[in-house]
Amino acid sequence: MTTFFSLKTCPISDKILSEREYKLQPRCEIVNQEISCSRRHLLAGFGGLLAFNCGFSPLVAWAEDETLVGAIKSLFDPNEKTKSGKVLPKAYLNSAREVVKTLRESLKEDPNDAAKFRRVADAAKESIREYLGNWRGQQSVINEESYVVIEKAIRTLASFYSKAGPSAPLSEQVKSEIISNLDTADKFL
């Protein structure tokens, strides 16, 4: 009895292999080629991927620095330039902007609609807690105008509620003082 092996070609190396060798072929060569192929695709599509995932922020950064390297650096730079021209940590700026936004929304909300007011006030309270937990006493921002003004607005709010009670409606004088502080802080962010 004669045995014939059918010959097959390996898709990776174009070697002619017997049936048995073909089935026992390790997959590491295939995986390595797939990895290198996907690395090439990753590098080729890096710019498009950034533009897709990050909106048009790379294009804005590119317009400022006019180089691709400058655009990529600005994406991964932990600092950001403020409206006043100072360079501050991005995390601080995002946290401070969130406090200003949520606190302003809660002050403008109608206190008669209890459910909506509570939801907006809870969001403001959470953003204030996060802001104070991360940035209170931090030397990198403690002398910044925005930090001082936001802390002043938070102290005004806390002082009112400590005197009037946790469920007292804010007076118009306190609201206007806090909104004035938030507007000032927004100018420096």
N, C-alpha and C. Protein backbone atom coordinates (compact mmCIF):
# COMPACT_ATOMS: atom_id res chain seq x y z
N MET A 1 0.85 -1.15 0.00
CA MET A 1 0.00 0.00 0.00
C MET A 1 0.90 1.23 0.00
N THR A 2 0.59 2.09 -0.85
CA THR A 2 1.39 3.30 -0.95
C THR A 2 0.62 4.46 -0.35
N THR A 3 1.37 5.31 0.27
CA THR A 3 0.76 6.49 0.89
C THR A 3 1.20 7.72 0.12
N PHE A 4 0.22 8.47 -0.26
CA PHE A 4 0.53 9.71 -0.94
C PHE A 4 0.20 10.86 0.00
N PHE A 5 1.16 11.74 0.17
CA PHE A 5 0.91 12.95 0.95
C PHE A 5 0.52 14.05 0.00
N SER A 6 -0.52 14.70 0.32
CA SER A 6 -0.88 15.84 -0.52
C SER A 6 0.01 17.02 -0.12
N LEU A 7 0.48 17.73 -1.07
CA LEU A 7 1.38 18.84 -0.80
C LEU A 7 0.59 20.14 -0.79
N LYS A 8 0.88 20.94 0.20
CA LYS A 8 0.22 22.24 0.32
C LYS A 8 1.28 23.31 0.50
N THR A 9 0.93 24.51 0.16
CA THR A 9 1.86 25.63 0.29
C THR A 9 1.50 26.41 1.54
N CYS A 10 2.53 26.74 2.32
CA CYS A 10 2.33 27.55 3.53
C CYS A 10 2.00 28.97 3.10
N PRO A 11 0.93 29.58 3.63
CA PRO A 11 0.54 30.92 3.20
C PRO A 11 1.54 31.99 3.62
N ILE A 12 2.38 31.72 4.62
CA ILE A 12 3.31 32.72 5.10
C ILE A 12 4.62 32.69 4.33
N SER A 13 5.20 31.52 4.22
CA SER A 13 6.55 31.44 3.65
C SER A 13 6.60 30.83 2.26
N ASP A 14 5.49 30.45 1.69
CA ASP A 14 5.40 29.83 0.37
C ASP A 14 6.26 28.56 0.26
N LYS A 15 6.44 27.87 1.37
CA LYS A 15 7.15 26.59 1.35
C LYS A 15 6.16 25.49 1.00
N ILE A 16 6.63 24.48 0.35
CA ILE A 16 5.79 23.34 0.05
C ILE A 16 5.91 22.38 1.22
N LEU A 17 4.77 22.09 1.83
CA LEU A 17 4.75 21.25 3.02
C LEU A 17 3.86 20.05 2.77
N SER A 18 4.18 18.97 3.46
CA SER A 18 3.30 17.80 3.40
C SER A 18 2.07 18.09 4.23
N GLU A 19 1.05 17.24 4.09
CA GLU A 19 -0.21 17.40 4.82
C GLU A 19 0.04 17.47 6.32
N ARG A 20 0.89 16.60 6.81
CA ARG A 20 1.16 16.52 8.25
C ARG A 20 1.89 17.78 8.72
N GLU A 21 2.90 18.22 8.01
CA GLU A 21 3.64 19.40 8.40
C GLU A 21 2.74 20.64 8.34
N TYR A 22 1.86 20.68 7.37
CA TYR A 22 0.98 21.84 7.22
C TYR A 22 0.05 21.99 8.42
N LYS A 23 -0.47 20.86 8.89
CA LYS A 23 -1.39 20.91 10.03
C LYS A 23 -0.67 21.22 11.32
N LEU A 24 0.59 20.82 11.44
CA LEU A 24 1.34 21.04 12.66
C LEU A 24 2.10 22.38 12.64
N GLN A 25 1.89 23.18 11.64
CA GLN A 25 2.57 24.45 11.50
C GLN A 25 2.27 25.35 12.70
N PRO A 26 3.28 25.85 13.40
CA PRO A 26 3.01 26.75 14.52
C PRO A 26 2.46 28.08 14.00
N ARG A 27 1.65 28.71 14.82
CA ARG A 27 1.00 29.94 14.38
C ARG A 27 1.80 31.18 14.72
N CYS A 28 2.96 31.02 15.35
CA CYS A 28 3.72 32.20 15.76
C CYS A 28 4.16 33.03 14.56
N GLU A 29 4.51 32.40 13.43
CA GLU A 29 4.89 33.17 12.26
C GLU A 29 3.71 33.99 11.76
N ILE A 30 2.55 33.41 11.78
CA ILE A 30 1.35 34.10 11.32
C ILE A 30 1.04 35.27 12.25
N VAL A 31 1.14 35.04 13.54
CA VAL A 31 0.86 36.09 14.51
C VAL A 31 1.85 37.23 14.36
N ASN A 32 3.15 36.90 14.22
CA ASN A 32 4.15 37.95 14.07
C ASN A 32 3.90 38.80 12.84
N GLN A 33 3.52 38.16 11.74
CA GLN A 33 3.25 38.92 10.53
C GLN A 33 2.00 39.78 10.71
N GLU A 34 0.98 39.27 11.40
CA GLU A 34 -0.22 40.04 11.64
C GLU A 34 0.07 41.22 12.55
N ILE A 35 0.94 41.03 13.54
CA ILE A 35 1.28 42.12 14.44
C ILE A 35 2.02 43.22 13.69
N SER A 36 3.02 42.85 12.91
CA SER A 36 3.76 43.87 12.18
C SER A 36 2.86 44.59 11.18
N CYS A 37 1.95 43.85 10.58
CA CYS A 37 1.01 44.46 9.65
C CYS A 37 0.12 45.45 10.38
N SER A 38 -0.38 45.09 11.55
CA SER A 38 -1.27 45.98 12.27
C SER A 38 -0.49 47.16 12.85
N ARG A 39 0.79 46.99 13.14
CA ARG A 39 1.59 48.13 13.58
C ARG A 39 1.70 49.16 12.47
N ARG A 40 1.93 48.66 11.25
CA ARG A 40 2.00 49.58 10.11
C ARG A 40 0.70 50.31 9.92
N HIS A 41 -0.40 49.59 10.02
CA HIS A 41 -1.70 50.24 9.87
C HIS A 41 -1.95 51.24 10.99
N LEU A 42 -1.51 50.89 12.19
CA LEU A 42 -1.69 51.78 13.33
C LEU A 42 -0.92 53.07 13.11
N LEU A 43 0.33 52.97 12.71
CA LEU A 43 1.13 54.17 12.48
C LEU A 43 0.60 54.99 11.31
N ALA A 44 0.14 54.32 10.28
CA ALA A 44 -0.38 55.04 9.11
C ALA A 44 -1.68 55.76 9.45
N GLY A 45 -2.51 55.17 10.29
CA GLY A 45 -3.80 55.76 10.60
C GLY A 45 -3.83 56.56 11.88
N PHE A 46 -2.66 56.83 12.48
CA PHE A 46 -2.61 57.51 13.78
C PHE A 46 -3.24 58.89 13.72
N GLY A 47 -2.90 59.67 12.71
CA GLY A 47 -3.45 61.02 12.60
C GLY A 47 -4.95 61.02 12.41
N GLY A 48 -5.44 60.14 11.55
CA GLY A 48 -6.89 60.06 11.32
C GLY A 48 -7.63 59.59 12.55
N LEU A 49 -7.02 58.66 13.27
CA LEU A 49 -7.64 58.15 14.49
C LEU A 49 -7.74 59.24 15.54
N LEU A 50 -6.70 60.03 15.69
CA LEU A 50 -6.74 61.13 16.64
C LEU A 50 -7.80 62.15 16.26
N ALA A 51 -7.87 62.47 14.99
CA ALA A 51 -8.86 63.44 14.54
C ALA A 51 -10.27 62.92 14.75
N PHE A 52 -10.46 61.61 14.55
CA PHE A 52 -11.79 61.01 14.72
C PHE A 52 -12.18 60.97 16.19
N ASN A 53 -11.28 60.50 17.05
CA ASN A 53 -11.60 60.34 18.47
C ASN A 53 -11.60 61.65 19.23
N CYS A 54 -10.78 62.59 18.87
CA CYS A 54 -10.63 63.81 19.64
C CYS A 54 -11.32 65.01 18.98
N GLY A 55 -12.13 64.78 18.03
CA GLY A 55 -12.80 65.89 17.35
C GLY A 55 -11.81 66.65 16.51
N PHE A 56 -11.89 67.95 16.52
CA PHE A 56 -10.99 68.76 15.72
C PHE A 56 -9.89 69.38 16.56
N SER A 57 -9.71 68.94 17.80
CA SER A 57 -8.68 69.52 18.64
C SER A 57 -7.28 69.38 18.06
N PRO A 58 -6.92 68.27 17.37
CA PRO A 58 -5.59 68.24 16.76
C PRO A 58 -5.43 69.30 15.67
N LEU A 59 -6.53 69.60 14.97
CA LEU A 59 -6.44 70.61 13.93
C LEU A 59 -6.24 71.98 14.53
N VAL A 60 -6.87 72.25 15.67
CA VAL A 60 -6.70 73.52 16.34
C VAL A 60 -5.27 73.63 16.85
N ALA A 61 -4.78 72.56 17.46
CA ALA A 61 -3.40 72.57 17.96
C ALA A 61 -2.43 72.74 16.80
N TRP A 62 -2.71 72.11 15.67
CA TRP A 62 -1.84 72.21 14.51
C TRP A 62 -1.82 73.66 14.02
N ALA A 63 -2.95 74.33 14.07
CA ALA A 63 -3.00 75.71 13.61
C ALA A 63 -2.14 76.61 14.50
N GLU A 64 -2.03 76.30 15.80
CA GLU A 64 -1.23 77.11 16.70
C GLU A 64 0.26 76.87 16.46
N ASP A 65 0.69 75.62 16.42
CA ASP A 65 2.10 75.30 16.30
C ASP A 65 2.55 75.11 14.85
N GLU A 66 1.63 74.83 13.96
CA GLU A 66 1.87 74.62 12.54
C GLU A 66 2.80 73.44 12.26
N THR A 67 2.91 72.53 13.18
CA THR A 67 3.67 71.31 12.93
C THR A 67 2.91 70.14 13.51
N LEU A 68 3.12 68.99 12.91
CA LEU A 68 2.47 67.79 13.43
C LEU A 68 3.02 67.44 14.81
N VAL A 69 4.30 67.66 15.01
CA VAL A 69 4.91 67.37 16.31
C VAL A 69 4.31 68.27 17.38
N GLY A 70 4.12 69.53 17.05
CA GLY A 70 3.51 70.46 18.00
C GLY A 70 2.08 70.06 18.34
N ALA A 71 1.35 69.57 17.35
CA ALA A 71 -0.04 69.14 17.57
C ALA A 71 -0.08 67.94 18.49
N ILE A 72 0.80 66.97 18.26
CA ILE A 72 0.82 65.78 19.11
C ILE A 72 1.28 66.13 20.52
N LYS A 73 2.27 67.02 20.63
CA LYS A 73 2.74 67.44 21.96
C LYS A 73 1.62 68.10 22.75
N SER A 74 0.84 68.95 22.08
CA SER A 74 -0.23 69.64 22.79
C SER A 74 -1.31 68.69 23.27
N LEU A 75 -1.49 67.57 22.57
CA LEU A 75 -2.48 66.58 23.01
C LEU A 75 -2.04 65.89 24.29
N PHE A 76 -0.74 65.62 24.39
CA PHE A 76 -0.24 64.87 25.53
C PHE A 76 0.40 65.76 26.59
N ASP A 77 0.39 67.07 26.39
CA ASP A 77 0.96 68.00 27.35
C ASP A 77 0.03 68.10 28.55
N PRO A 78 0.56 67.97 29.77
CA PRO A 78 -0.32 68.03 30.95
C PRO A 78 -0.76 69.44 31.30
N ASN A 79 -0.23 70.44 30.61
CA ASN A 79 -0.57 71.83 30.89
C ASN A 79 -1.33 72.44 29.73
N GLU A 80 -2.04 73.54 30.04
CA GLU A 80 -2.83 74.23 29.02
C GLU A 80 -2.76 75.72 29.29
N LYS A 81 -2.80 76.50 28.23
CA LYS A 81 -2.78 77.95 28.36
C LYS A 81 -4.19 78.45 28.63
N THR A 82 -4.32 79.36 29.59
CA THR A 82 -5.63 79.90 29.95
C THR A 82 -5.95 81.12 29.10
N LYS A 83 -7.15 81.67 29.30
CA LYS A 83 -7.55 82.87 28.58
C LYS A 83 -6.65 84.05 28.93
N SER A 84 -6.17 84.06 30.17
CA SER A 84 -5.30 85.15 30.61
C SER A 84 -3.85 84.94 30.20
N GLY A 85 -3.54 83.80 29.57
CA GLY A 85 -2.20 83.56 29.06
C GLY A 85 -1.31 82.73 29.97
N LYS A 86 -1.78 82.36 31.14
CA LYS A 86 -0.98 81.54 32.05
C LYS A 86 -1.07 80.08 31.67
N VAL A 87 -0.05 79.33 32.02
CA VAL A 87 -0.03 77.89 31.75
C VAL A 87 -0.31 77.17 33.06
N LEU A 88 -1.42 76.42 33.07
CA LEU A 88 -1.85 75.70 34.28
C LEU A 88 -2.11 74.25 33.92
N PRO A 89 -2.15 73.36 34.92
CA PRO A 89 -2.46 71.95 34.64
C PRO A 89 -3.85 71.78 34.02
N LYS A 90 -3.93 70.94 32.97
CA LYS A 90 -5.21 70.69 32.31
C LYS A 90 -6.24 70.12 33.28
N ALA A 91 -5.78 69.25 34.16
CA ALA A 91 -6.70 68.63 35.12
C ALA A 91 -7.33 69.70 36.01
N TYR A 92 -6.53 70.67 36.44
CA TYR A 92 -7.06 71.76 37.26
C TYR A 92 -8.07 72.57 36.47
N LEU A 93 -7.71 72.92 35.24
CA LEU A 93 -8.61 73.74 34.43
C LEU A 93 -9.93 73.03 34.17
N ASN A 94 -9.87 71.75 33.87
CA ASN A 94 -11.11 70.98 33.64
C ASN A 94 -11.95 70.92 34.90
N SER A 95 -11.32 70.69 36.04
CA SER A 95 -12.05 70.61 37.30
C SER A 95 -12.66 71.96 37.66
N ALA A 96 -11.89 73.04 37.50
CA ALA A 96 -12.39 74.38 37.82
C ALA A 96 -13.53 74.78 36.89
N ARG A 97 -13.39 74.47 35.61
CA ARG A 97 -14.47 74.79 34.66
C ARG A 97 -15.75 74.01 34.99
N GLU A 98 -15.58 72.78 35.43
CA GLU A 98 -16.74 71.97 35.82
C GLU A 98 -17.44 72.58 37.04
N VAL A 99 -16.67 73.04 38.01
CA VAL A 99 -17.26 73.68 39.20
C VAL A 99 -18.01 74.94 38.79
N VAL A 100 -17.40 75.77 37.97
CA VAL A 100 -18.05 77.01 37.54
C VAL A 100 -19.35 76.69 36.80
N LYS A 101 -19.29 75.72 35.89
CA LYS A 101 -20.48 75.37 35.10
C LYS A 101 -21.61 74.82 35.97
N THR A 102 -21.30 73.83 36.81
CA THR A 102 -22.36 73.19 37.60
C THR A 102 -22.90 74.12 38.68
N LEU A 103 -22.03 74.91 39.29
CA LEU A 103 -22.50 75.84 40.32
C LEU A 103 -23.38 76.91 39.70
N ARG A 104 -23.00 77.41 38.54
CA ARG A 104 -23.82 78.42 37.86
C ARG A 104 -25.19 77.83 37.48
N GLU A 105 -25.19 76.59 36.98
CA GLU A 105 -26.46 75.94 36.63
C GLU A 105 -27.35 75.77 37.86
N SER A 106 -26.75 75.38 38.97
CA SER A 106 -27.57 75.17 40.17
C SER A 106 -28.12 76.48 40.72
N LEU A 107 -27.38 77.58 40.55
CA LEU A 107 -27.88 78.86 41.02
C LEU A 107 -29.00 79.40 40.14
N LYS A 108 -28.99 79.04 38.87
CA LYS A 108 -30.03 79.51 37.94
C LYS A 108 -31.27 78.62 37.97
N GLU A 109 -31.16 77.46 38.58
CA GLU A 109 -32.28 76.51 38.60
C GLU A 109 -33.39 77.00 39.54
N ASP A 110 -34.62 76.69 39.17
CA ASP A 110 -35.78 77.07 39.97
C ASP A 110 -35.88 76.15 41.19
N PRO A 111 -35.81 76.68 42.41
CA PRO A 111 -35.87 75.83 43.60
C PRO A 111 -37.26 75.22 43.85
N ASN A 112 -38.29 75.70 43.13
CA ASN A 112 -39.64 75.16 43.32
C ASN A 112 -39.77 73.77 42.69
N ASP A 113 -39.01 73.49 41.65
CA ASP A 113 -38.99 72.15 41.03
C ASP A 113 -37.96 71.32 41.80
N ALA A 114 -38.42 70.69 42.86
CA ALA A 114 -37.53 70.04 43.82
C ALA A 114 -36.65 68.94 43.20
N ALA A 115 -37.23 68.10 42.36
CA ALA A 115 -36.46 66.98 41.81
C ALA A 115 -35.34 67.47 40.89
N LYS A 116 -35.66 68.38 40.00
CA LYS A 116 -34.64 68.90 39.08
C LYS A 116 -33.60 69.72 39.83
N PHE A 117 -34.06 70.53 40.77
CA PHE A 117 -33.14 71.35 41.56
C PHE A 117 -32.18 70.46 42.35
N ARG A 118 -32.69 69.41 42.96
CA ARG A 118 -31.86 68.49 43.73
C ARG A 118 -30.81 67.81 42.85
N ARG A 119 -31.22 67.41 41.65
CA ARG A 119 -30.29 66.75 40.72
C ARG A 119 -29.16 67.70 40.32
N VAL A 120 -29.50 68.94 39.99
CA VAL A 120 -28.49 69.91 39.58
C VAL A 120 -27.62 70.31 40.77
N ALA A 121 -28.22 70.47 41.93
CA ALA A 121 -27.46 70.83 43.12
C ALA A 121 -26.51 69.71 43.54
N ASP A 122 -26.95 68.46 43.39
CA ASP A 122 -26.08 67.33 43.71
C ASP A 122 -24.88 67.26 42.77
N ALA A 123 -25.10 67.58 41.50
CA ALA A 123 -23.99 67.60 40.54
C ALA A 123 -22.99 68.69 40.91
N ALA A 124 -23.50 69.85 41.32
CA ALA A 124 -22.61 70.94 41.75
C ALA A 124 -21.84 70.56 43.01
N LYS A 125 -22.53 69.93 43.95
CA LYS A 125 -21.89 69.51 45.19
C LYS A 125 -20.78 68.50 44.92
N GLU A 126 -21.04 67.57 44.02
CA GLU A 126 -20.04 66.56 43.67
C GLU A 126 -18.83 67.18 42.99
N SER A 127 -19.06 68.11 42.07
CA SER A 127 -17.93 68.75 41.39
C SER A 127 -17.11 69.61 42.36
N ILE A 128 -17.78 70.24 43.32
CA ILE A 128 -17.06 71.02 44.33
C ILE A 128 -16.22 70.10 45.20
N ARG A 129 -16.78 68.97 45.61
CA ARG A 129 -16.01 68.02 46.43
C ARG A 129 -14.78 67.51 45.69
N GLU A 130 -14.97 67.18 44.42
CA GLU A 130 -13.84 66.69 43.62
C GLU A 130 -12.78 67.78 43.47
N TYR A 131 -13.22 69.00 43.20
CA TYR A 131 -12.30 70.12 43.03
C TYR A 131 -11.49 70.36 44.31
N LEU A 132 -12.19 70.44 45.42
CA LEU A 132 -11.49 70.70 46.69
C LEU A 132 -10.61 69.52 47.09
N GLY A 133 -11.07 68.31 46.84
CA GLY A 133 -10.28 67.13 47.17
C GLY A 133 -8.99 67.05 46.39
N ASN A 134 -9.02 67.48 45.15
CA ASN A 134 -7.83 67.39 44.30
C ASN A 134 -6.94 68.62 44.37
N TRP A 135 -7.51 69.80 44.58
CA TRP A 135 -6.72 71.02 44.39
C TRP A 135 -6.56 71.88 45.63
N ARG A 136 -7.21 71.58 46.72
CA ARG A 136 -7.05 72.39 47.93
C ARG A 136 -5.61 72.29 48.42
N GLY A 137 -4.96 73.45 48.54
CA GLY A 137 -3.60 73.51 49.06
C GLY A 137 -2.50 73.12 48.06
N GLN A 138 -2.84 72.84 46.82
CA GLN A 138 -1.83 72.47 45.83
C GLN A 138 -1.01 73.71 45.45
N GLN A 139 0.30 73.61 45.59
CA GLN A 139 1.18 74.74 45.35
C GLN A 139 1.16 75.21 43.89
N SER A 140 0.84 74.34 42.98
CA SER A 140 0.84 74.71 41.56
C SER A 140 -0.30 75.67 41.20
N VAL A 141 -1.36 75.72 42.02
CA VAL A 141 -2.51 76.57 41.68
C VAL A 141 -2.96 77.48 42.81
N ILE A 142 -2.38 77.37 43.97
CA ILE A 142 -2.90 78.09 45.14
C ILE A 142 -2.86 79.61 44.98
N ASN A 143 -1.94 80.12 44.20
CA ASN A 143 -1.83 81.58 44.03
C ASN A 143 -2.51 82.08 42.76
N GLU A 144 -3.19 81.22 42.05
CA GLU A 144 -3.86 81.62 40.82
C GLU A 144 -5.16 82.36 41.14
N GLU A 145 -5.48 83.35 40.32
CA GLU A 145 -6.68 84.16 40.53
C GLU A 145 -7.94 83.31 40.47
N SER A 146 -7.98 82.38 39.53
CA SER A 146 -9.17 81.53 39.39
C SER A 146 -9.38 80.68 40.64
N TYR A 147 -8.31 80.15 41.19
CA TYR A 147 -8.42 79.33 42.40
C TYR A 147 -8.95 80.16 43.57
N VAL A 148 -8.40 81.36 43.73
CA VAL A 148 -8.80 82.23 44.84
C VAL A 148 -10.27 82.61 44.72
N VAL A 149 -10.71 82.95 43.51
CA VAL A 149 -12.09 83.40 43.32
C VAL A 149 -13.08 82.23 43.46
N ILE A 150 -12.72 81.06 42.93
CA ILE A 150 -13.61 79.90 43.08
C ILE A 150 -13.73 79.52 44.55
N GLU A 151 -12.61 79.54 45.25
CA GLU A 151 -12.67 79.21 46.68
C GLU A 151 -13.50 80.25 47.44
N LYS A 152 -13.43 81.50 47.03
CA LYS A 152 -14.24 82.54 47.67
C LYS A 152 -15.73 82.27 47.43
N ALA A 153 -16.10 81.87 46.21
CA ALA A 153 -17.49 81.55 45.90
C ALA A 153 -17.97 80.36 46.72
N ILE A 154 -17.12 79.35 46.86
CA ILE A 154 -17.49 78.16 47.65
C ILE A 154 -17.64 78.53 49.13
N ARG A 155 -16.75 79.37 49.62
CA ARG A 155 -16.85 79.80 51.03
C ARG A 155 -18.10 80.62 51.28
N THR A 156 -18.46 81.47 50.32
CA THR A 156 -19.69 82.26 50.45
C THR A 156 -20.90 81.33 50.54
N LEU A 157 -20.93 80.33 49.68
CA LEU A 157 -22.03 79.36 49.67
C LEU A 157 -22.06 78.57 50.99
N ALA A 158 -20.91 78.11 51.43
CA ALA A 158 -20.83 77.34 52.67
C ALA A 158 -21.22 78.19 53.88
N SER A 159 -20.79 79.42 53.89
CA SER A 159 -21.12 80.33 54.99
C SER A 159 -22.63 80.56 55.07
N PHE A 160 -23.27 80.76 53.91
CA PHE A 160 -24.71 80.95 53.91
C PHE A 160 -25.43 79.74 54.47
N TYR A 161 -25.07 78.56 53.98
CA TYR A 161 -25.77 77.35 54.43
C TYR A 161 -25.46 77.01 55.89
N SER A 162 -24.29 77.36 56.37
CA SER A 162 -24.00 77.08 57.78
C SER A 162 -24.80 77.99 58.70
N LYS A 163 -25.12 79.21 58.24
CA LYS A 163 -25.92 80.13 59.04
C LYS A 163 -27.42 79.86 58.89
N ALA A 164 -27.88 79.63 57.65
CA ALA A 164 -29.32 79.54 57.38
C ALA A 164 -29.86 78.12 57.42
N GLY A 165 -29.00 77.14 57.39
CA GLY A 165 -29.46 75.75 57.38
C GLY A 165 -29.32 75.14 55.99
N PRO A 166 -29.27 73.81 55.94
CA PRO A 166 -28.98 73.13 54.67
C PRO A 166 -30.10 73.22 53.64
N SER A 167 -31.32 73.49 54.05
CA SER A 167 -32.41 73.51 53.06
C SER A 167 -32.95 74.91 52.82
N ALA A 168 -32.28 75.94 53.31
CA ALA A 168 -32.74 77.32 53.13
C ALA A 168 -32.52 77.76 51.68
N PRO A 169 -33.48 78.50 51.12
CA PRO A 169 -33.29 79.03 49.76
C PRO A 169 -32.27 80.17 49.78
N LEU A 170 -31.44 80.23 48.75
CA LEU A 170 -30.41 81.27 48.67
C LEU A 170 -31.04 82.64 48.44
N SER A 171 -30.52 83.63 49.13
CA SER A 171 -31.00 84.99 48.91
C SER A 171 -30.41 85.51 47.60
N GLU A 172 -31.05 86.51 47.03
CA GLU A 172 -30.59 87.07 45.75
C GLU A 172 -29.22 87.72 45.92
N GLN A 173 -28.96 88.30 47.09
CA GLN A 173 -27.66 88.93 47.34
C GLN A 173 -26.54 87.90 47.30
N VAL A 174 -26.74 86.76 47.93
CA VAL A 174 -25.74 85.70 47.95
C VAL A 174 -25.56 85.12 46.55
N LYS A 175 -26.69 84.90 45.85
CA LYS A 175 -26.62 84.39 44.48
C LYS A 175 -25.80 85.32 43.59
N SER A 176 -26.09 86.62 43.65
CA SER A 176 -25.38 87.57 42.79
C SER A 176 -23.90 87.63 43.15
N GLU A 177 -23.56 87.53 44.42
CA GLU A 177 -22.15 87.53 44.83
C GLU A 177 -21.42 86.30 44.30
N ILE A 178 -22.05 85.14 44.39
CA ILE A 178 -21.44 83.90 43.90
C ILE A 178 -21.32 83.94 42.39
N ILE A 179 -22.35 84.40 41.69
CA ILE A 179 -22.30 84.48 40.23
C ILE A 179 -21.22 85.47 39.78
N SER A 180 -21.07 86.57 40.50
CA SER A 180 -20.01 87.53 40.19
C SER A 180 -18.63 86.86 40.34
N ASN A 181 -18.46 86.09 41.41
CA ASN A 181 -17.20 85.37 41.61
C ASN A 181 -16.96 84.35 40.50
N LEU A 182 -18.01 83.65 40.09
CA LEU A 182 -17.88 82.65 39.03
C LEU A 182 -17.54 83.31 37.69
N ASP A 183 -18.13 84.47 37.42
CA ASP A 183 -17.80 85.20 36.20
C ASP A 183 -16.34 85.63 36.19
N THR A 184 -15.86 86.09 37.34
CA THR A 184 -14.45 86.49 37.46
C THR A 184 -13.54 85.28 37.26
N ALA A 185 -13.90 84.16 37.86
CA ALA A 185 -13.10 82.94 37.71
C ALA A 185 -13.07 82.48 36.27
N ASP A 186 -14.21 82.60 35.60
CA ASP A 186 -14.30 82.18 34.20
C ASP A 186 -13.38 83.00 33.30
N LYS A 187 -13.15 84.25 33.64
CA LYS A 187 -12.25 85.10 32.86
C LYS A 187 -10.81 84.60 32.93
N PHE A 188 -10.45 84.00 34.06
CA PHE A 188 -9.07 83.53 34.26
C PHE A 188 -8.88 82.08 33.79
N LEU A 189 -9.97 81.38 33.52
CA LEU A 189 -9.85 80.00 33.05
C LEU A 189 -9.80 80.02 31.55
